[in-house]
Amino acid sequence: MAGKLKIYLETTMFNYYFDSDRDAHPYTVRLFEEIAAGKYEAYTSEYVVRELEAAKKDKRGKMLDLIQDYGITVLDADPKALRLANVYIEAKIIPDNYLADALHIAIASINGMDMILSLNFKHIVSRTTEELTGAINKLNGYRAVEIRPPMEVAEYED
């Protein structure tokens, strides 16, 4: 793979940055530091921004500030992402009441991301989700996207 990895930061990454009680917190902060150091080309989306805007007031502004503070590019909402997300739901990969989760995978896919970083182990970070969305992507003209938690990516040492 030539050049920097293009990574997509799902909503949980912004939340865990400030949640110091969680095991993934140091890895999440380290990942953001690696983004600042230029190791990755980092993206998020309008879908994440919408979720962050709905967060509790005490964290909302700080989480949204991370996007600007770390120079993370915000991908626009896209009808192609909605169509692809609906295919994931129709295929029963993502439950139908979790459209936002499907949209994260879809927007990363249509924009050619190498990897999605998430701590949503219920609907996003799983081998099955990665394999099945990858197969759907290939059938729809997109490549598969790796889905990983920051613990598998960030170079963090205790």
C-alpha atoms as a PDB file:
ATOM      1  CA  MET A   1       0.000   0.000   0.000  1.00  0.00           C
ATOM      2  CA  ALA A   2       1.620   3.223  -1.124  1.00  0.00           C
ATOM      3  CA  GLY A   3       1.483   6.388   0.952  1.00  0.00           C
ATOM      4  CA  LYS A   4      -0.256   6.958   4.255  1.00  0.00           C
ATOM      5  CA  LEU A   5      -3.159   4.823   5.341  1.00  0.00           C
ATOM      6  CA  LYS A   6      -6.490   6.572   4.871  1.00  0.00           C
ATOM      7  CA  ILE A   7      -8.376   5.983   8.098  1.00  0.00           C
ATOM      8  CA  TYR A   8     -11.974   6.720   8.983  1.00  0.00           C
ATOM      9  CA  LEU A   9     -12.758   7.595  12.596  1.00  0.00           C
ATOM     10  CA  GLU A  10     -16.176   6.383  13.704  1.00  0.00           C
ATOM     11  CA  THR A  11     -18.059   8.196  16.491  1.00  0.00           C
ATOM     12  CA  THR A  12     -16.768   6.066  19.363  1.00  0.00           C
ATOM     13  CA  MET A  13     -13.204   7.216  18.720  1.00  0.00           C
ATOM     14  CA  PHE A  14     -14.108  10.778  19.693  1.00  0.00           C
ATOM     15  CA  ASN A  15     -15.950   9.601  22.795  1.00  0.00           C
ATOM     16  CA  TYR A  16     -13.157   7.344  24.061  1.00  0.00           C
ATOM     17  CA  TYR A  17     -10.622  10.140  23.662  1.00  0.00           C
ATOM     18  CA  PHE A  18     -12.196  11.750  26.736  1.00  0.00           C
ATOM     19  CA  ASP A  19     -13.266   8.589  28.564  1.00  0.00           C
ATOM     20  CA  SER A  20     -10.168   7.911  30.672  1.00  0.00           C
ATOM     21  CA  ASP A  21     -11.879   5.106  32.611  1.00  0.00           C
ATOM     22  CA  ARG A  22     -12.050   2.873  29.525  1.00  0.00           C
ATOM     23  CA  ASP A  23      -9.266   0.411  28.643  1.00  0.00           C
ATOM     24  CA  ALA A  24      -9.114   1.737  25.080  1.00  0.00           C
ATOM     25  CA  HIS A  25      -8.550   5.353  26.168  1.00  0.00           C
ATOM     26  CA  PRO A  26      -4.716   5.400  26.000  1.00  0.00           C
ATOM     27  CA  TYR A  27      -4.756   3.699  22.594  1.00  0.00           C
ATOM     28  CA  THR A  28      -7.317   6.182  21.323  1.00  0.00           C
ATOM     29  CA  VAL A  29      -5.290   9.177  22.501  1.00  0.00           C
ATOM     30  CA  ARG A  30      -2.151   7.625  20.993  1.00  0.00           C
ATOM     31  CA  LEU A  31      -3.931   7.183  17.669  1.00  0.00           C
ATOM     32  CA  PHE A  32      -4.864  10.879  17.634  1.00  0.00           C
ATOM     33  CA  GLU A  33      -1.226  11.726  18.419  1.00  0.00           C
ATOM     34  CA  GLU A  34      -0.133   9.590  15.469  1.00  0.00           C
ATOM     35  CA  ILE A  35      -2.625  11.469  13.271  1.00  0.00           C
ATOM     36  CA  ALA A  36      -1.131  14.774  14.462  1.00  0.00           C
ATOM     37  CA  ALA A  37       2.352  13.446  13.676  1.00  0.00           C
ATOM     38  CA  GLY A  38       1.260  12.775  10.081  1.00  0.00           C
ATOM     39  CA  LYS A  39       1.285   8.983  10.222  1.00  0.00           C
ATOM     40  CA  TYR A  40      -2.254   8.708   8.824  1.00  0.00           C
ATOM     41  CA  GLU A  41      -4.572  10.594   6.534  1.00  0.00           C
ATOM     42  CA  ALA A  42      -7.576  10.883   8.864  1.00  0.00           C
ATOM     43  CA  TYR A  43     -11.222  11.277   7.933  1.00  0.00           C
ATOM     44  CA  THR A  44     -14.576  11.252   9.606  1.00  0.00           C
ATOM     45  CA  SER A  45     -17.979  12.163   8.197  1.00  0.00           C
ATOM     46  CA  GLU A  46     -21.020  14.349   8.444  1.00  0.00           C
ATOM     47  CA  TYR A  47     -22.705  11.293   9.990  1.00  0.00           C
ATOM     48  CA  VAL A  48     -20.219  11.382  12.892  1.00  0.00           C
ATOM     49  CA  VAL A  49     -20.617  15.134  13.274  1.00  0.00           C
ATOM     50  CA  ARG A  50     -24.402  14.674  13.586  1.00  0.00           C
ATOM     51  CA  GLU A  51     -23.932  12.056  16.307  1.00  0.00           C
ATOM     52  CA  LEU A  52     -21.420  14.224  18.161  1.00  0.00           C
ATOM     53  CA  GLU A  53     -23.780  17.198  17.988  1.00  0.00           C
ATOM     54  CA  ALA A  54     -26.392  15.057  19.763  1.00  0.00           C
ATOM     55  CA  ALA A  55     -23.998  14.179  22.612  1.00  0.00           C
ATOM     56  CA  LYS A  56     -24.231  15.539  26.130  1.00  0.00           C
ATOM     57  CA  LYS A  57     -23.340  19.203  26.310  1.00  0.00           C
ATOM     58  CA  ASP A  58     -20.317  18.698  28.592  1.00  0.00           C
ATOM     59  CA  LYS A  59     -18.527  16.539  25.983  1.00  0.00           C
ATOM     60  CA  ARG A  60     -20.080  17.740  22.722  1.00  0.00           C
ATOM     61  CA  GLY A  61     -17.845  20.752  22.072  1.00  0.00           C
ATOM     62  CA  LYS A  62     -14.658  18.976  23.102  1.00  0.00           C
ATOM     63  CA  MET A  63     -15.371  16.025  20.815  1.00  0.00           C
ATOM     64  CA  LEU A  64     -16.218  18.296  17.876  1.00  0.00           C
ATOM     65  CA  ASP A  65     -13.036  20.306  18.530  1.00  0.00           C
ATOM     66  CA  LEU A  66     -10.940  17.166  17.984  1.00  0.00           C
ATOM     67  CA  ILE A  67     -11.877  17.262  14.298  1.00  0.00           C
ATOM     68  CA  GLN A  68     -10.333  20.703  13.829  1.00  0.00           C
ATOM     69  CA  ASP A  69      -7.525  20.247  16.376  1.00  0.00           C
ATOM     70  CA  TYR A  70      -6.227  17.152  14.583  1.00  0.00           C
ATOM     71  CA  GLY A  71      -6.949  18.286  11.007  1.00  0.00           C
ATOM     72  CA  ILE A  72      -9.432  15.500  10.344  1.00  0.00           C
ATOM     73  CA  THR A  73     -11.242  15.819   7.025  1.00  0.00           C
ATOM     74  CA  VAL A  74     -15.039  15.584   7.238  1.00  0.00           C
ATOM     75  CA  LEU A  75     -16.614  13.628   4.372  1.00  0.00           C
ATOM     76  CA  ASP A  76     -19.989  14.908   3.195  1.00  0.00           C
ATOM     77  CA  ALA A  77     -23.107  12.785   3.517  1.00  0.00           C
ATOM     78  CA  ASP A  78     -23.648  11.011   0.200  1.00  0.00           C
ATOM     79  CA  PRO A  79     -26.668   9.290  -1.402  1.00  0.00           C
ATOM     80  CA  LYS A  80     -24.315   6.493  -2.570  1.00  0.00           C
ATOM     81  CA  ALA A  81     -23.423   5.819   1.068  1.00  0.00           C
ATOM     82  CA  LEU A  82     -27.095   5.635   1.996  1.00  0.00           C
ATOM     83  CA  ARG A  83     -27.743   3.157  -0.817  1.00  0.00           C
ATOM     84  CA  LEU A  84     -24.782   0.981   0.229  1.00  0.00           C
ATOM     85  CA  ALA A  85     -25.760   1.180   3.926  1.00  0.00           C
ATOM     86  CA  ASN A  86     -29.234  -0.037   2.993  1.00  0.00           C
ATOM     87  CA  VAL A  87     -27.684  -3.001   1.173  1.00  0.00           C
ATOM     88  CA  TYR A  88     -25.810  -3.935   4.383  1.00  0.00           C
ATOM     89  CA  ILE A  89     -29.106  -3.721   6.273  1.00  0.00           C
ATOM     90  CA  GLU A  90     -31.070  -5.689   3.667  1.00  0.00           C
ATOM     91  CA  ALA A  91     -28.355  -8.373   3.825  1.00  0.00           C
ATOM     92  CA  LYS A  92     -28.830  -8.473   7.643  1.00  0.00           C
ATOM     93  CA  ILE A  93     -25.179  -7.528   8.276  1.00  0.00           C
ATOM     94  CA  ILE A  94     -26.225  -4.492  10.320  1.00  0.00           C
ATOM     95  CA  PRO A  95     -29.614  -4.474  12.141  1.00  0.00           C
ATOM     96  CA  ASP A  96     -32.185  -2.239  10.482  1.00  0.00           C
ATOM     97  CA  ASN A  97     -32.478   0.056  13.501  1.00  0.00           C
ATOM     98  CA  TYR A  98     -28.740   0.870  13.351  1.00  0.00           C
ATOM     99  CA  LEU A  99     -28.581   2.789  10.079  1.00  0.00           C
ATOM    100  CA  ALA A 100     -25.897   5.133  11.482  1.00  0.00           C
ATOM    101  CA  ASP A 101     -23.521   2.187  11.964  1.00  0.00           C
ATOM    102  CA  ALA A 102     -24.121   1.017   8.399  1.00  0.00           C
ATOM    103  CA  LEU A 103     -23.579   4.575   7.137  1.00  0.00           C
ATOM    104  CA  HIS A 104     -20.136   4.743   8.773  1.00  0.00           C
ATOM    105  CA  ILE A 105     -18.981   1.632   6.938  1.00  0.00           C
ATOM    106  CA  ALA A 106     -20.591   2.757   3.691  1.00  0.00           C
ATOM    107  CA  ILE A 107     -19.157   6.301   3.664  1.00  0.00           C
ATOM    108  CA  ALA A 108     -15.688   4.909   4.381  1.00  0.00           C
ATOM    109  CA  SER A 109     -16.155   2.389   1.572  1.00  0.00           C
ATOM    110  CA  ILE A 110     -17.333   4.771  -1.130  1.00  0.00           C
ATOM    111  CA  ASN A 111     -14.497   7.158  -0.272  1.00  0.00           C
ATOM    112  CA  GLY A 112     -11.781   4.521  -0.587  1.00  0.00           C
ATOM    113  CA  MET A 113     -10.668   4.386   3.041  1.00  0.00           C
ATOM    114  CA  ASP A 114      -8.123   1.729   3.950  1.00  0.00           C
ATOM    115  CA  MET A 115      -9.418   1.259   7.466  1.00  0.00           C
ATOM    116  CA  ILE A 116     -12.269   2.144   9.812  1.00  0.00           C
ATOM    117  CA  LEU A 117     -11.279   2.749  13.439  1.00  0.00           C
ATOM    118  CA  SER A 118     -14.057   2.079  15.911  1.00  0.00           C
ATOM    119  CA  LEU A 119     -14.816   0.814  19.385  1.00  0.00           C
ATOM    120  CA  ASN A 120     -18.357  -0.222  18.477  1.00  0.00           C
ATOM    121  CA  PHE A 121     -17.956  -3.966  18.956  1.00  0.00           C
ATOM    122  CA  LYS A 122     -21.669  -4.638  18.705  1.00  0.00           C
ATOM    123  CA  HIS A 123     -22.252  -3.726  15.035  1.00  0.00           C
ATOM    124  CA  ILE A 124     -19.022  -2.501  13.460  1.00  0.00           C
ATOM    125  CA  VAL A 125     -15.815  -4.054  14.822  1.00  0.00           C
ATOM    126  CA  SER A 126     -16.145  -7.753  14.090  1.00  0.00           C
ATOM    127  CA  ARG A 127     -14.591 -10.179  11.672  1.00  0.00           C
ATOM    128  CA  THR A 128     -18.035 -11.118  10.354  1.00  0.00           C
ATOM    129  CA  THR A 129     -19.001  -7.497   9.680  1.00  0.00           C
ATOM    130  CA  GLU A 130     -15.678  -6.859   7.945  1.00  0.00           C
ATOM    131  CA  GLU A 131     -15.939  -9.952   5.755  1.00  0.00           C
ATOM    132  CA  LEU A 132     -19.602  -9.500   4.810  1.00  0.00           C
ATOM    133  CA  THR A 133     -19.426  -5.755   4.124  1.00  0.00           C
ATOM    134  CA  GLY A 134     -16.249  -6.439   2.133  1.00  0.00           C
ATOM    135  CA  ALA A 135     -18.123  -8.945  -0.030  1.00  0.00           C
ATOM    136  CA  ILE A 136     -21.031  -6.516  -0.517  1.00  0.00           C
ATOM    137  CA  ASN A 137     -18.561  -3.750  -1.375  1.00  0.00           C
ATOM    138  CA  LYS A 138     -16.896  -5.859  -4.063  1.00  0.00           C
ATOM    139  CA  LEU A 139     -20.282  -6.711  -5.587  1.00  0.00           C
ATOM    140  CA  ASN A 140     -21.053  -2.981  -5.707  1.00  0.00           C
ATOM    141  CA  GLY A 141     -17.741  -1.813  -7.201  1.00  0.00           C
ATOM    142  CA  TYR A 142     -15.938  -0.822  -3.987  1.00  0.00           C
ATOM    143  CA  ARG A 143     -13.051  -2.470  -2.232  1.00  0.00           C
ATOM    144  CA  ALA A 144     -13.249  -4.040   1.204  1.00  0.00           C
ATOM    145  CA  VAL A 145     -12.301  -1.847   4.156  1.00  0.00           C
ATOM    146  CA  GLU A 146     -10.457  -3.155   7.201  1.00  0.00           C
ATOM    147  CA  ILE A 147     -12.280  -2.544  10.483  1.00  0.00           C
ATOM    148  CA  ARG A 148     -10.123  -2.314  13.600  1.00  0.00           C
ATOM    149  CA  PRO A 149     -10.123  -0.992  17.161  1.00  0.00           C
ATOM    150  CA  PRO A 150      -7.306   1.444  18.021  1.00  0.00           C
ATOM    151  CA  MET A 151      -5.623  -1.217  20.186  1.00  0.00           C
ATOM    152  CA  GLU A 152      -4.676  -3.053  16.995  1.00  0.00           C
ATOM    153  CA  VAL A 153      -3.343   0.036  15.226  1.00  0.00           C
ATOM    154  CA  ALA A 154      -1.859   2.617  17.604  1.00  0.00           C
ATOM    155  CA  GLU A 155       1.718   2.056  18.657  1.00  0.00           C
ATOM    156  CA  TYR A 156       1.157   2.410  22.386  1.00  0.00           C
ATOM    157  CA  GLU A 157       3.387   1.114  25.162  1.00  0.00           C
ATOM    158  CA  ASP A 158       2.600   1.094  28.883  1.00  0.00           C
END
